C-alpha atoms as a PDB file:
ATOM      1  CA  UNK A   1     -24.214 -11.844   6.576  1.00  0.00           C
ATOM      2  CA  UNK A   2     -21.390 -12.185   4.096  1.00  0.00           C
ATOM      3  CA  UNK A   3     -20.730  -8.938   2.580  1.00  0.00           C
ATOM      4  CA  UNK A   4     -20.585 -10.571  -0.686  1.00  0.00           C
ATOM      5  CA  UNK A   5     -24.073 -11.588  -0.403  1.00  0.00           C
ATOM      6  CA  UNK A   6     -25.670  -8.219  -0.413  1.00  0.00           C
ATOM      7  CA  UNK A   7     -27.002  -8.266  -3.727  1.00  0.00           C
ATOM      8  CA  UNK A   8     -30.309  -8.055  -6.093  1.00  0.00           C
ATOM      9  CA  UNK A   9     -31.191 -11.281  -4.722  1.00  0.00           C
ATOM     10  CA  UNK A  10     -31.895  -9.699  -1.199  1.00  0.00           C
ATOM     11  CA  UNK A  11     -35.327  -8.696  -1.308  1.00  0.00           C
ATOM     12  CA  UNK A  12     -36.330  -5.147   0.589  1.00  0.00           C
ATOM     13  CA  UNK A  13     -38.703  -2.510   0.450  1.00  0.00           C
ATOM     14  CA  UNK A  14     -36.839  -1.135  -2.473  1.00  0.00           C
ATOM     15  CA  UNK A  15     -37.009  -4.247  -4.496  1.00  0.00           C
ATOM     16  CA  UNK A  16     -40.201  -2.625  -6.289  1.00  0.00           C
ATOM     17  CA  UNK A  17     -38.056   0.085  -7.368  1.00  0.00           C
ATOM     18  CA  UNK A  18     -35.721  -2.014  -8.822  1.00  0.00           C
ATOM     19  CA  UNK A  19     -37.974  -4.168 -10.748  1.00  0.00           C
ATOM     20  CA  UNK A  20     -39.827  -1.153 -11.877  1.00  0.00           C
ATOM     21  CA  UNK A  21     -36.880   0.427 -13.540  1.00  0.00           C
ATOM     22  CA  UNK A  22     -35.697  -2.755 -15.302  1.00  0.00           C
ATOM     23  CA  UNK A  23     -39.161  -3.246 -16.735  1.00  0.00           C
ATOM     24  CA  UNK A  24     -39.206   0.681 -17.799  1.00  0.00           C
ATOM     25  CA  UNK A  25     -36.008   0.158 -19.452  1.00  0.00           C
ATOM     26  CA  UNK A  26     -37.087  -2.846 -21.512  1.00  0.00           C
ATOM     27  CA  UNK A  27     -39.867  -0.776 -22.740  1.00  0.00           C
ATOM     28  CA  UNK A  28     -38.775   2.748 -23.157  1.00  0.00           C
ATOM     29  CA  UNK A  29     -35.270   2.101 -24.015  1.00  0.00           C
ATOM     30  CA  UNK A  30     -34.935  -0.992 -26.224  1.00  0.00           C
ATOM     31  CA  UNK A  31     -31.884  -3.342 -24.927  1.00  0.00           C
ATOM     32  CA  UNK A  32     -28.684  -1.839 -26.153  1.00  0.00           C
ATOM     33  CA  UNK A  33     -26.353  -4.676 -27.361  1.00  0.00           C
ATOM     34  CA  UNK A  34     -23.712  -5.622 -25.199  1.00  0.00           C
ATOM     35  CA  UNK A  35     -21.116  -4.489 -28.257  1.00  0.00           C
ATOM     36  CA  UNK A  36     -22.679  -0.817 -28.082  1.00  0.00           C
ATOM     37  CA  UNK A  37     -21.907  -0.632 -24.203  1.00  0.00           C
ATOM     38  CA  UNK A  38     -18.428  -2.086 -24.943  1.00  0.00           C
ATOM     39  CA  UNK A  39     -17.747   0.228 -27.758  1.00  0.00           C
ATOM     40  CA  UNK A  40     -18.360   2.938 -25.144  1.00  0.00           C
ATOM     41  CA  UNK A  41     -15.889   2.113 -22.966  1.00  0.00           C
ATOM     42  CA  UNK A  42     -13.361   1.617 -25.984  1.00  0.00           C
ATOM     43  CA  UNK A  43     -13.843   5.169 -26.740  1.00  0.00           C
ATOM     44  CA  UNK A  44     -12.555   6.302 -23.027  1.00  0.00           C
ATOM     45  CA  UNK A  45      -9.423   6.466 -21.529  1.00  0.00           C
ATOM     46  CA  UNK A  46     -10.571   6.955 -17.950  1.00  0.00           C
ATOM     47  CA  UNK A  47     -13.574   5.092 -15.998  1.00  0.00           C
ATOM     48  CA  UNK A  48     -14.438   7.067 -12.718  1.00  0.00           C
ATOM     49  CA  UNK A  49     -16.922   4.976 -10.329  1.00  0.00           C
ATOM     50  CA  UNK A  50     -19.231   6.089  -7.816  1.00  0.00           C
ATOM     51  CA  UNK A  51     -19.459   3.211  -4.945  1.00  0.00           C
ATOM     52  CA  UNK A  52     -23.142   3.476  -3.196  1.00  0.00           C
ATOM     53  CA  UNK A  53     -25.531   1.730  -5.772  1.00  0.00           C
ATOM     54  CA  UNK A  54     -22.978   1.584  -8.290  1.00  0.00           C
ATOM     55  CA  UNK A  55     -19.972  -0.808  -7.353  1.00  0.00           C
ATOM     56  CA  UNK A  56     -21.635  -1.606  -3.902  1.00  0.00           C
ATOM     57  CA  UNK A  57     -24.911  -2.511  -2.615  1.00  0.00           C
ATOM     58  CA  UNK A  58     -27.009   0.356  -1.082  1.00  0.00           C
ATOM     59  CA  UNK A  59     -28.024  -2.234   1.458  1.00  0.00           C
ATOM     60  CA  UNK A  60     -24.514  -2.704   2.845  1.00  0.00           C
ATOM     61  CA  UNK A  61     -23.944   1.043   3.115  1.00  0.00           C
ATOM     62  CA  UNK A  62     -27.396   1.447   4.976  1.00  0.00           C
ATOM     63  CA  UNK A  63     -27.595  -1.670   6.774  1.00  0.00           C
ATOM     64  CA  UNK A  64     -23.941  -2.169   7.985  1.00  0.00           C
ATOM     65  CA  UNK A  65     -21.748   0.992   7.707  1.00  0.00           C
ATOM     66  CA  UNK A  66     -23.922   3.789   9.025  1.00  0.00           C
ATOM     67  CA  UNK A  67     -25.582   1.527  11.532  1.00  0.00           C
ATOM     68  CA  UNK A  68     -21.984   0.647  12.714  1.00  0.00           C
ATOM     69  CA  UNK A  69     -21.283   4.454  13.304  1.00  0.00           C
ATOM     70  CA  UNK A  70     -24.620   5.101  15.282  1.00  0.00           C
ATOM     71  CA  UNK A  71     -24.014   2.043  17.559  1.00  0.00           C
ATOM     72  CA  UNK A  72     -20.329   2.506  18.422  1.00  0.00           C
ATOM     73  CA  UNK A  73     -19.683   5.949  18.191  1.00  0.00           C
ATOM     74  CA  UNK A  74     -19.898   6.713  22.013  1.00  0.00           C
ATOM     75  CA  UNK A  75     -17.634   3.601  22.706  1.00  0.00           C
ATOM     76  CA  UNK A  76     -15.348   4.843  20.068  1.00  0.00           C
ATOM     77  CA  UNK A  77     -15.052   8.399  21.363  1.00  0.00           C
ATOM     78  CA  UNK A  78     -14.736   6.961  24.946  1.00  0.00           C
ATOM     79  CA  UNK A  79     -11.754   4.722  24.040  1.00  0.00           C
ATOM     80  CA  UNK A  80      -9.841   6.985  21.756  1.00  0.00           C
ATOM     81  CA  UNK A  81     -10.565  10.324  23.401  1.00  0.00           C
ATOM     82  CA  UNK A  82      -6.938  11.115  24.106  1.00  0.00           C
ATOM     83  CA  UNK A  83      -5.643  10.278  20.930  1.00  0.00           C
ATOM     84  CA  UNK A  84      -4.569  12.927  18.395  1.00  0.00           C
ATOM     85  CA  UNK A  85      -6.801  11.639  15.767  1.00  0.00           C
ATOM     86  CA  UNK A  86      -9.858  11.990  17.735  1.00  0.00           C
ATOM     87  CA  UNK A  87      -8.663  15.188  19.115  1.00  0.00           C
ATOM     88  CA  UNK A  88      -8.400  16.362  15.259  1.00  0.00           C
ATOM     89  CA  UNK A  89     -11.952  14.908  14.622  1.00  0.00           C
ATOM     90  CA  UNK A  90     -13.861  16.676  17.664  1.00  0.00           C
ATOM     91  CA  UNK A  91     -12.105  19.989  16.420  1.00  0.00           C
ATOM     92  CA  UNK A  92     -13.358  19.668  13.134  1.00  0.00           C
ATOM     93  CA  UNK A  93     -16.909  18.608  14.384  1.00  0.00           C
ATOM     94  CA  UNK A  94     -16.763  21.817  16.738  1.00  0.00           C
ATOM     95  CA  UNK A  95     -16.238  24.082  14.143  1.00  0.00           C
ATOM     96  CA  UNK A  96     -18.581  22.675  11.690  1.00  0.00           C
ATOM     97  CA  UNK A  97     -21.342  23.078  14.375  1.00  0.00           C
ATOM     98  CA  UNK A  98     -20.273  26.333  14.965  1.00  0.00           C
ATOM     99  CA  UNK A  99     -20.903  27.408  11.388  1.00  0.00           C
ATOM    100  CA  UNK A 100     -23.969  25.629  11.431  1.00  0.00           C
ATOM    101  CA  UNK A 101     -25.295  27.569  14.760  1.00  0.00           C
ATOM    102  CA  UNK A 102     -25.955  30.535  12.559  1.00  0.00           C
ATOM    103  CA  UNK A 103     -28.587  28.515  10.880  1.00  0.00           C
ATOM    104  CA  UNK A 104     -30.242  27.620  14.138  1.00  0.00           C
ATOM    105  CA  UNK A 105     -28.335  24.720  15.024  1.00  0.00           C
ATOM    106  CA  UNK A 106     -27.682  23.953  18.714  1.00  0.00           C
ATOM    107  CA  UNK A 107     -23.814  24.715  19.706  1.00  0.00           C
ATOM    108  CA  UNK A 108     -21.848  22.180  21.511  1.00  0.00           C
ATOM    109  CA  UNK A 109     -20.981  22.500  25.135  1.00  0.00           C
ATOM    110  CA  UNK A 110     -17.963  24.804  25.758  1.00  0.00           C
ATOM    111  CA  UNK A 111     -16.751  22.298  28.286  1.00  0.00           C
ATOM    112  CA  UNK A 112     -13.976  20.223  27.411  1.00  0.00           C
ATOM    113  CA  UNK A 113     -14.947  17.221  29.988  1.00  0.00           C
ATOM    114  CA  UNK A 114     -15.500  14.082  27.894  1.00  0.00           C
ATOM    115  CA  UNK A 115     -18.605  13.305  30.196  1.00  0.00           C
ATOM    116  CA  UNK A 116     -20.228  16.389  28.949  1.00  0.00           C
ATOM    117  CA  UNK A 117     -18.777  16.623  25.700  1.00  0.00           C
ATOM    118  CA  UNK A 118     -19.183  12.845  24.166  1.00  0.00           C
ATOM    119  CA  UNK A 119     -23.071  12.676  24.439  1.00  0.00           C
ATOM    120  CA  UNK A 120     -23.311  16.004  22.885  1.00  0.00           C
ATOM    121  CA  UNK A 121     -20.968  14.874  19.945  1.00  0.00           C
ATOM    122  CA  UNK A 122     -22.995  11.319  19.709  1.00  0.00           C
ATOM    123  CA  UNK A 123     -26.215  13.418  19.291  1.00  0.00           C
ATOM    124  CA  UNK A 124     -24.934  16.054  16.791  1.00  0.00           C
ATOM    125  CA  UNK A 125     -23.200  13.094  14.915  1.00  0.00           C
ATOM    126  CA  UNK A 126     -26.649  11.263  14.834  1.00  0.00           C
ATOM    127  CA  UNK A 127     -28.446  14.403  13.681  1.00  0.00           C
ATOM    128  CA  UNK A 128     -26.040  14.991  11.033  1.00  0.00           C
ATOM    129  CA  UNK A 129     -26.798  11.590   9.537  1.00  0.00           C
ATOM    130  CA  UNK A 130     -30.433  11.833   9.914  1.00  0.00           C
ATOM    131  CA  UNK A 131     -30.070  14.943   7.655  1.00  0.00           C
ATOM    132  CA  UNK A 132     -27.795  13.017   5.304  1.00  0.00           C
ATOM    133  CA  UNK A 133     -24.941  15.905   5.678  1.00  0.00           C
ATOM    134  CA  UNK A 134     -21.966  15.253   3.452  1.00  0.00           C
ATOM    135  CA  UNK A 135     -19.867  17.706   5.375  1.00  0.00           C
ATOM    136  CA  UNK A 136     -16.166  16.524   5.883  1.00  0.00           C
ATOM    137  CA  UNK A 137     -16.071  16.402   9.355  1.00  0.00           C
ATOM    138  CA  UNK A 138     -18.620  13.973   9.640  1.00  0.00           C
ATOM    139  CA  UNK A 139     -17.022  11.894   6.928  1.00  0.00           C
ATOM    140  CA  UNK A 140     -13.671  12.338   8.336  1.00  0.00           C
ATOM    141  CA  UNK A 141     -15.120  10.716  11.739  1.00  0.00           C
ATOM    142  CA  UNK A 142     -17.038   8.123  10.142  1.00  0.00           C
ATOM    143  CA  UNK A 143     -13.912   6.955   8.064  1.00  0.00           C
ATOM    144  CA  UNK A 144     -11.787   6.826  10.996  1.00  0.00           C
ATOM    145  CA  UNK A 145     -14.208   4.696  12.817  1.00  0.00           C
ATOM    146  CA  UNK A 146     -14.661   2.196   9.680  1.00  0.00           C
ATOM    147  CA  UNK A 147     -11.064   1.732   9.678  1.00  0.00           C
ATOM    148  CA  UNK A 148     -10.985   0.414  13.006  1.00  0.00           C
ATOM    149  CA  UNK A 149     -13.833  -1.795  11.948  1.00  0.00           C
ATOM    150  CA  UNK A 150     -12.178  -3.019   8.847  1.00  0.00           C
ATOM    151  CA  UNK A 151      -8.971  -3.677  10.376  1.00  0.00           C
ATOM    152  CA  UNK A 152     -10.434  -5.697  13.346  1.00  0.00           C
ATOM    153  CA  UNK A 153     -12.681  -7.420  11.003  1.00  0.00           C
ATOM    154  CA  UNK A 154     -16.017  -6.007  12.376  1.00  0.00           C
ATOM    155  CA  UNK A 155     -16.815  -4.935   8.697  1.00  0.00           C
ATOM    156  CA  UNK A 156     -15.799  -6.383   5.306  1.00  0.00           C
ATOM    157  CA  UNK A 157     -16.660  -4.320   2.385  1.00  0.00           C
ATOM    158  CA  UNK A 158     -19.273  -5.398  -0.398  1.00  0.00           C
ATOM    159  CA  UNK A 159     -18.252  -5.360  -4.016  1.00  0.00           C
ATOM    160  CA  UNK A 160     -20.564  -6.647  -6.609  1.00  0.00           C
ATOM    161  CA  UNK A 161     -18.961  -9.891  -8.254  1.00  0.00           C
ATOM    162  CA  UNK A 162     -19.673  -8.235 -11.842  1.00  0.00           C
ATOM    163  CA  UNK A 163     -17.683  -4.887 -10.729  1.00  0.00           C
ATOM    164  CA  UNK A 164     -14.600  -7.150  -9.953  1.00  0.00           C
ATOM    165  CA  UNK A 165     -14.837  -8.892 -13.443  1.00  0.00           C
ATOM    166  CA  UNK A 166     -14.929  -5.272 -15.082  1.00  0.00           C
ATOM    167  CA  UNK A 167     -11.929  -3.922 -12.858  1.00  0.00           C
ATOM    168  CA  UNK A 168      -9.739  -6.919 -14.278  1.00  0.00           C
ATOM    169  CA  UNK A 169     -10.878  -6.604 -17.685  1.00  0.00           C
ATOM    170  CA  UNK A 170     -10.389  -2.736 -17.920  1.00  0.00           C
ATOM    171  CA  UNK A 171      -7.086  -2.647 -15.874  1.00  0.00           C
ATOM    172  CA  UNK A 172      -5.982  -5.121 -18.614  1.00  0.00           C
ATOM    173  CA  UNK A 173      -7.113  -3.093 -21.392  1.00  0.00           C
ATOM    174  CA  UNK A 174      -4.896  -0.100 -19.878  1.00  0.00           C
ATOM    175  CA  UNK A 175      -8.198   2.123 -18.538  1.00  0.00           C
ATOM    176  CA  UNK A 176      -7.241   4.557 -15.920  1.00  0.00           C
ATOM    177  CA  UNK A 177      -9.589   3.560 -12.952  1.00  0.00           C
ATOM    178  CA  UNK A 178     -10.795   6.071 -10.485  1.00  0.00           C
ATOM    179  CA  UNK A 179     -12.979   6.665  -7.798  1.00  0.00           C
ATOM    180  CA  UNK A 180     -15.498   9.777  -7.096  1.00  0.00           C
ATOM    181  CA  UNK A 181     -17.892   8.708  -3.953  1.00  0.00           C
ATOM    182  CA  UNK A 182     -19.315  11.143  -1.138  1.00  0.00           C
ATOM    183  CA  UNK A 183     -17.800   9.001   1.151  1.00  0.00           C
ATOM    184  CA  UNK A 184     -14.255  10.084   2.141  1.00  0.00           C
ATOM    185  CA  UNK A 185     -11.150   9.126   0.334  1.00  0.00           C
ATOM    186  CA  UNK A 186     -10.112   7.018   3.568  1.00  0.00           C
ATOM    187  CA  UNK A 187     -13.527   5.296   3.534  1.00  0.00           C
ATOM    188  CA  UNK A 188     -13.085   4.395  -0.004  1.00  0.00           C
ATOM    189  CA  UNK A 189      -9.773   2.965   0.382  1.00  0.00           C
ATOM    190  CA  UNK A 190     -10.732   0.846   3.143  1.00  0.00           C
ATOM    191  CA  UNK A 191     -13.726  -0.751   1.457  1.00  0.00           C
ATOM    192  CA  UNK A 192     -11.769  -1.524  -1.694  1.00  0.00           C
ATOM    193  CA  UNK A 193      -8.465  -2.823   0.125  1.00  0.00           C
ATOM    194  CA  UNK A 194     -10.876  -4.687   2.444  1.00  0.00           C
ATOM    195  CA  UNK A 195     -13.637  -6.121   0.364  1.00  0.00           C
ATOM    196  CA  UNK A 196     -15.324  -9.341   0.201  1.00  0.00           C
ATOM    197  CA  UNK A 197     -13.113 -10.325  -2.902  1.00  0.00           C
ATOM    198  CA  UNK A 198      -9.980  -9.436  -1.145  1.00  0.00           C
ATOM    199  CA  UNK A 199      -7.739  -6.359  -1.443  1.00  0.00           C
ATOM    200  CA  UNK A 200      -9.440  -4.487  -5.053  1.00  0.00           C
ATOM    201  CA  UNK A 201      -7.379  -0.825  -4.046  1.00  0.00           C
ATOM    202  CA  UNK A 202      -4.548  -1.820  -6.605  1.00  0.00           C
ATOM    203  CA  UNK A 203      -6.992  -1.233  -9.432  1.00  0.00           C
ATOM    204  CA  UNK A 204      -7.509   2.568  -8.795  1.00  0.00           C
ATOM    205  CA  UNK A 205      -5.043   5.251  -9.422  1.00  0.00           C
ATOM    206  CA  UNK A 206      -6.819   8.156  -7.943  1.00  0.00           C
ATOM    207  CA  UNK A 207      -9.647   8.744  -5.538  1.00  0.00           C
ATOM    208  CA  UNK A 208     -12.052  12.122  -4.906  1.00  0.00           C
ATOM    209  CA  UNK A 209     -14.441  12.912  -2.449  1.00  0.00           C
ATOM    210  CA  UNK A 210     -16.400  15.858  -1.640  1.00  0.00           C
ATOM    211  CA  UNK A 211     -13.466  17.919  -0.821  1.00  0.00           C
ATOM    212  CA  UNK A 212     -13.427  18.421  -4.687  1.00  0.00           C
ATOM    213  CA  UNK A 213     -17.258  19.874  -4.161  1.00  0.00           C
ATOM    214  CA  UNK A 214     -20.542  18.634  -4.285  1.00  0.00           C
ATOM    215  CA  UNK A 215     -21.495  15.453  -6.838  1.00  0.00           C
ATOM    216  CA  UNK A 216     -24.371  17.325  -8.154  1.00  0.00           C
ATOM    217  CA  UNK A 217     -22.382  20.275  -9.289  1.00  0.00           C
ATOM    218  CA  UNK A 218     -20.504  20.436 -12.308  1.00  0.00           C
ATOM    219  CA  UNK A 219     -17.429  22.828 -11.131  1.00  0.00           C
ATOM    220  CA  UNK A 220     -16.710  19.616  -8.851  1.00  0.00           C
ATOM    221  CA  UNK A 221     -15.938  17.632 -12.472  1.00  0.00           C
ATOM    222  CA  UNK A 222     -13.832  20.141 -13.643  1.00  0.00           C
ATOM    223  CA  UNK A 223     -11.850  20.248 -10.673  1.00  0.00           C
ATOM    224  CA  UNK A 224     -11.318  16.343 -10.983  1.00  0.00           C
ATOM    225  CA  UNK A 225     -10.236  16.853 -14.798  1.00  0.00           C
ATOM    226  CA  UNK A 226      -7.636  19.219 -13.886  1.00  0.00           C
ATOM    227  CA  UNK A 227      -6.436  16.948 -11.235  1.00  0.00           C
ATOM    228  CA  UNK A 228      -6.243  14.205 -13.742  1.00  0.00           C
ATOM    229  CA  UNK A 229      -3.804  16.530 -15.608  1.00  0.00           C
ATOM    230  CA  UNK A 230      -6.819  17.834 -18.101  1.00  0.00           C
ATOM    231  CA  UNK A 231      -7.867  14.974 -20.416  1.00  0.00           C
ATOM    232  CA  UNK A 232     -10.312  15.581 -22.880  1.00  0.00           C
ATOM    233  CA  UNK A 233     -13.757  15.536 -20.773  1.00  0.00           C
ATOM    234  CA  UNK A 234     -15.161  13.052 -23.617  1.00  0.00           C
ATOM    235  CA  UNK A 235     -12.397  10.498 -22.861  1.00  0.00           C
ATOM    236  CA  UNK A 236     -14.068  10.206 -19.160  1.00  0.00           C
ATOM    237  CA  UNK A 237     -16.836   8.007 -18.492  1.00  0.00           C
ATOM    238  CA  UNK A 238     -18.545   8.297 -15.172  1.00  0.00           C
ATOM    239  CA  UNK A 239     -20.501   5.559 -13.778  1.00  0.00           C
ATOM    240  CA  UNK A 240     -23.331   6.677 -11.071  1.00  0.00           C
ATOM    241  CA  UNK A 241     -26.470   5.600  -9.835  1.00  0.00           C
ATOM    242  CA  UNK A 242     -27.860   9.407  -9.391  1.00  0.00           C
ATOM    243  CA  UNK A 243     -29.224  11.179 -12.349  1.00  0.00           C
ATOM    244  CA  UNK A 244     -28.001  14.557 -10.716  1.00  0.00           C
ATOM    245  CA  UNK A 245     -24.370  13.592 -10.557  1.00  0.00           C
ATOM    246  CA  UNK A 246     -24.874  12.170 -14.085  1.00  0.00           C
ATOM    247  CA  UNK A 247     -26.059  15.240 -15.344  1.00  0.00           C
ATOM    248  CA  UNK A 248     -23.308  17.522 -13.959  1.00  0.00           C
ATOM    249  CA  UNK A 249     -20.397  15.173 -15.160  1.00  0.00           C
ATOM    250  CA  UNK A 250     -22.360  15.520 -18.419  1.00  0.00           C
ATOM    251  CA  UNK A 251     -22.294  19.308 -18.313  1.00  0.00           C
ATOM    252  CA  UNK A 252     -18.599  19.303 -18.558  1.00  0.00           C
ATOM    253  CA  UNK A 253     -18.705  17.005 -21.599  1.00  0.00           C
ATOM    254  CA  UNK A 254     -17.925  13.468 -19.677  1.00  0.00           C
ATOM    255  CA  UNK A 255     -19.623  10.205 -20.785  1.00  0.00           C
ATOM    256  CA  UNK A 256     -21.983   8.952 -18.301  1.00  0.00           C
ATOM    257  CA  UNK A 257     -23.802   5.498 -17.600  1.00  0.00           C
ATOM    258  CA  UNK A 258     -26.286   5.246 -15.023  1.00  0.00           C
ATOM    259  CA  UNK A 259     -26.307   2.466 -12.915  1.00  0.00           C
ATOM    260  CA  UNK A 260     -29.591   0.744 -11.659  1.00  0.00           C
ATOM    261  CA  UNK A 261     -29.454  -1.610  -8.456  1.00  0.00           C
ATOM    262  CA  UNK A 262     -31.656  -2.701  -5.848  1.00  0.00           C
ATOM    263  CA  UNK A 263     -32.671   0.460  -3.861  1.00  0.00           C
ATOM    264  CA  UNK A 264     -31.376   3.048  -6.254  1.00  0.00           C
ATOM    265  CA  UNK A 265     -33.864   5.874  -7.114  1.00  0.00           C
ATOM    266  CA  UNK A 266     -36.219   5.415  -9.703  1.00  0.00           C
ATOM    267  CA  UNK A 267     -35.512   6.869 -13.047  1.00  0.00           C
ATOM    268  CA  UNK A 268     -38.069   9.068 -15.172  1.00  0.00           C
ATOM    269  CA  UNK A 269     -39.080   7.817 -18.410  1.00  0.00           C
ATOM    270  CA  UNK A 270     -37.159  10.792 -20.023  1.00  0.00           C
ATOM    271  CA  UNK A 271     -33.982   9.906 -17.913  1.00  0.00           C
ATOM    272  CA  UNK A 272     -34.173   5.973 -19.164  1.00  0.00           C
ATOM    273  CA  UNK A 273     -34.559   7.511 -22.889  1.00  0.00           C
ATOM    274  CA  UNK A 274     -31.605   9.725 -22.338  1.00  0.00           C
ATOM    275  CA  UNK A 275     -28.814   7.892 -20.387  1.00  0.00           C
ATOM    276  CA  UNK A 276     -27.428   4.529 -21.162  1.00  0.00           C
ATOM    277  CA  UNK A 277     -28.455   2.467 -18.159  1.00  0.00           C
ATOM    278  CA  UNK A 278     -27.041  -0.787 -16.700  1.00  0.00           C
ATOM    279  CA  UNK A 279     -28.043  -3.154 -14.107  1.00  0.00           C
ATOM    280  CA  UNK A 280     -24.869  -5.020 -14.091  1.00  0.00           C
ATOM    281  CA  UNK A 281     -21.062  -4.156 -15.177  1.00  0.00           C
ATOM    282  CA  UNK A 282     -21.376  -7.169 -17.295  1.00  0.00           C
ATOM    283  CA  UNK A 283     -23.143  -4.762 -19.786  1.00  0.00           C
ATOM    284  CA  UNK A 284     -19.807  -2.538 -20.327  1.00  0.00           C
ATOM    285  CA  UNK A 285     -17.865  -5.668 -20.723  1.00  0.00           C
ATOM    286  CA  UNK A 286     -16.338  -6.554 -24.127  1.00  0.00           C
ATOM    287  CA  UNK A 287     -17.934  -9.905 -24.458  1.00  0.00           C
ATOM    288  CA  UNK A 288     -14.908 -11.427 -26.569  1.00  0.00           C
ATOM    289  CA  UNK A 289     -12.753 -10.723 -23.436  1.00  0.00           C
ATOM    290  CA  UNK A 290     -15.230 -11.546 -20.839  1.00  0.00           C
ATOM    291  CA  UNK A 291     -13.551 -14.547 -19.015  1.00  0.00           C
ATOM    292  CA  UNK A 292     -16.927 -16.449 -18.310  1.00  0.00           C
ATOM    293  CA  UNK A 293     -18.083 -15.981 -22.089  1.00  0.00           C
ATOM    294  CA  UNK A 294     -14.473 -16.599 -23.491  1.00  0.00           C
ATOM    295  CA  UNK A 295     -14.107 -20.112 -21.355  1.00  0.00           C
ATOM    296  CA  UNK A 296     -17.556 -21.116 -22.678  1.00  0.00           C
ATOM    297  CA  UNK A 297     -16.789 -20.261 -26.343  1.00  0.00           C
ATOM    298  CA  UNK A 298     -13.221 -21.900 -26.286  1.00  0.00           C
ATOM    299  CA  UNK A 299     -14.894 -25.043 -25.422  1.00  0.00           C
ATOM    300  CA  UNK A 300     -16.970 -25.114 -28.554  1.00  0.00           C
ATOM    301  CA  UNK A 301     -16.082 -25.908 -32.469  1.00  0.00           C
ATOM    302  CA  UNK A 302     -16.240 -22.705 -34.651  1.00  0.00           C
ATOM    303  CA  UNK A 303     -19.162 -23.836 -36.202  1.00  0.00           C
ATOM    304  CA  UNK A 304     -21.044 -24.415 -32.977  1.00  0.00           C
ATOM    305  CA  UNK A 305     -19.690 -21.046 -31.708  1.00  0.00           C
ATOM    306  CA  UNK A 306     -21.408 -19.318 -35.061  1.00  0.00           C
ATOM    307  CA  UNK A 307     -24.482 -21.239 -34.435  1.00  0.00           C
ATOM    308  CA  UNK A 308     -24.857 -20.349 -30.657  1.00  0.00           C
ATOM    309  CA  UNK A 309     -24.194 -16.670 -32.036  1.00  0.00           C
ATOM    310  CA  UNK A 310     -27.102 -16.851 -34.353  1.00  0.00           C
ATOM    311  CA  UNK A 311     -29.142 -18.263 -31.943  1.00  0.00           C
ATOM    312  CA  UNK A 312     -28.310 -15.390 -29.169  1.00  0.00           C
ATOM    313  CA  UNK A 313     -28.801 -12.599 -31.948  1.00  0.00           C
ATOM    314  CA  UNK A 314     -32.423 -14.340 -32.673  1.00  0.00           C
ATOM    315  CA  UNK A 315     -33.619 -14.510 -29.280  1.00  0.00           C
ATOM    316  CA  UNK A 316     -32.527 -10.818 -28.457  1.00  0.00           C
ATOM    317  CA  UNK A 317     -34.824  -9.614 -31.444  1.00  0.00           C
ATOM    318  CA  UNK A 318     -37.613 -11.772 -30.042  1.00  0.00           C
ATOM    319  CA  UNK A 319     -37.815 -10.314 -26.714  1.00  0.00           C
ATOM    320  CA  UNK A 320     -37.759  -6.687 -28.068  1.00  0.00           C
ATOM    321  CA  UNK A 321     -40.613  -7.593 -30.286  1.00  0.00           C
ATOM    322  CA  UNK A 322     -42.222  -9.218 -27.321  1.00  0.00           C
ATOM    323  CA  UNK A 323     -41.445  -5.948 -25.288  1.00  0.00           C
ATOM    324  CA  UNK A 324     -43.007  -3.790 -28.070  1.00  0.00           C
ATOM    325  CA  UNK A 325     -46.148  -6.286 -28.340  1.00  0.00           C
ATOM    326  CA  UNK A 326     -46.676  -6.078 -24.454  1.00  0.00           C
ATOM    327  CA  UNK A 327     -46.735  -2.523 -24.269  1.00  0.00           C
ATOM    328  CA  UNK A 328     -49.066  -1.962 -27.056  1.00  0.00           C
ATOM    329  CA  UNK A 329     -51.359  -4.493 -25.484  1.00  0.00           C
ATOM    330  CA  UNK A 330     -51.139  -2.480 -22.083  1.00  0.00           C
ATOM    331  CA  UNK A 331     -52.135   0.749 -23.980  1.00  0.00           C
END
């Protein structure tokens, strides 16, 4: 399947969660006007983006990136065993396993023979991935494998269509765009430079991964602010699909928006009430600058434009009233 086709249109076992969040959002937090979201963007200078569940489908990560590592790691290690890059990756994994051995994890064999060590490394990596480990040694190896896959065309990075339009508008507006993801910086750059929309890497000025700290810890966001030359935290907007990450960023004063896409973790009524929630980056675009809307408006006469605007406002108001009425009937 072409990578750009990973979207909310793809049905999965998590589709119910996605629909649940959208309905809940309609009931518990009346639909925010697009102008309100655009004002939020206008008030910040830096926009920091998560990847999985935010710019990129979780399906792509779960169904393509991670399975590729599991399927190809043995062949990859055999084919690259004598390269310095793989030697460094193996050394880093060995050190990590030695640290984990204190917690009861089985250590790697002491043999340097690839026939002995590679099967053990394969099992170790599989166990780390099963545990959803974020350790740098694993992320580095994954990044190197994906690098090879992107270059030979085995993988093409998925990015939502609405994200591309947002990147274009924000860059044109002078916003500084950065990425903070649990995936390694190398993996981030590979995804955006080999995306299904072409090379998008030039939109971003900085990349951060878990080497600055865990994404659920406020200290990590303080470190990022320092790396960005200490802008006022309220001038930074972080967009993520995980409330725990949003909460950590909010703790240091950053503005936050929670992304709800197919497969993301369901939000509680409290979270839906507390956080601005989007299911598309179009909600964060200035409607007067959006290419698709601008092109449509430019074809209309001023009278027709005003009339359509009134109709849109009337329809939006009616939708909110209907949602309230339906909620009352359910009670």
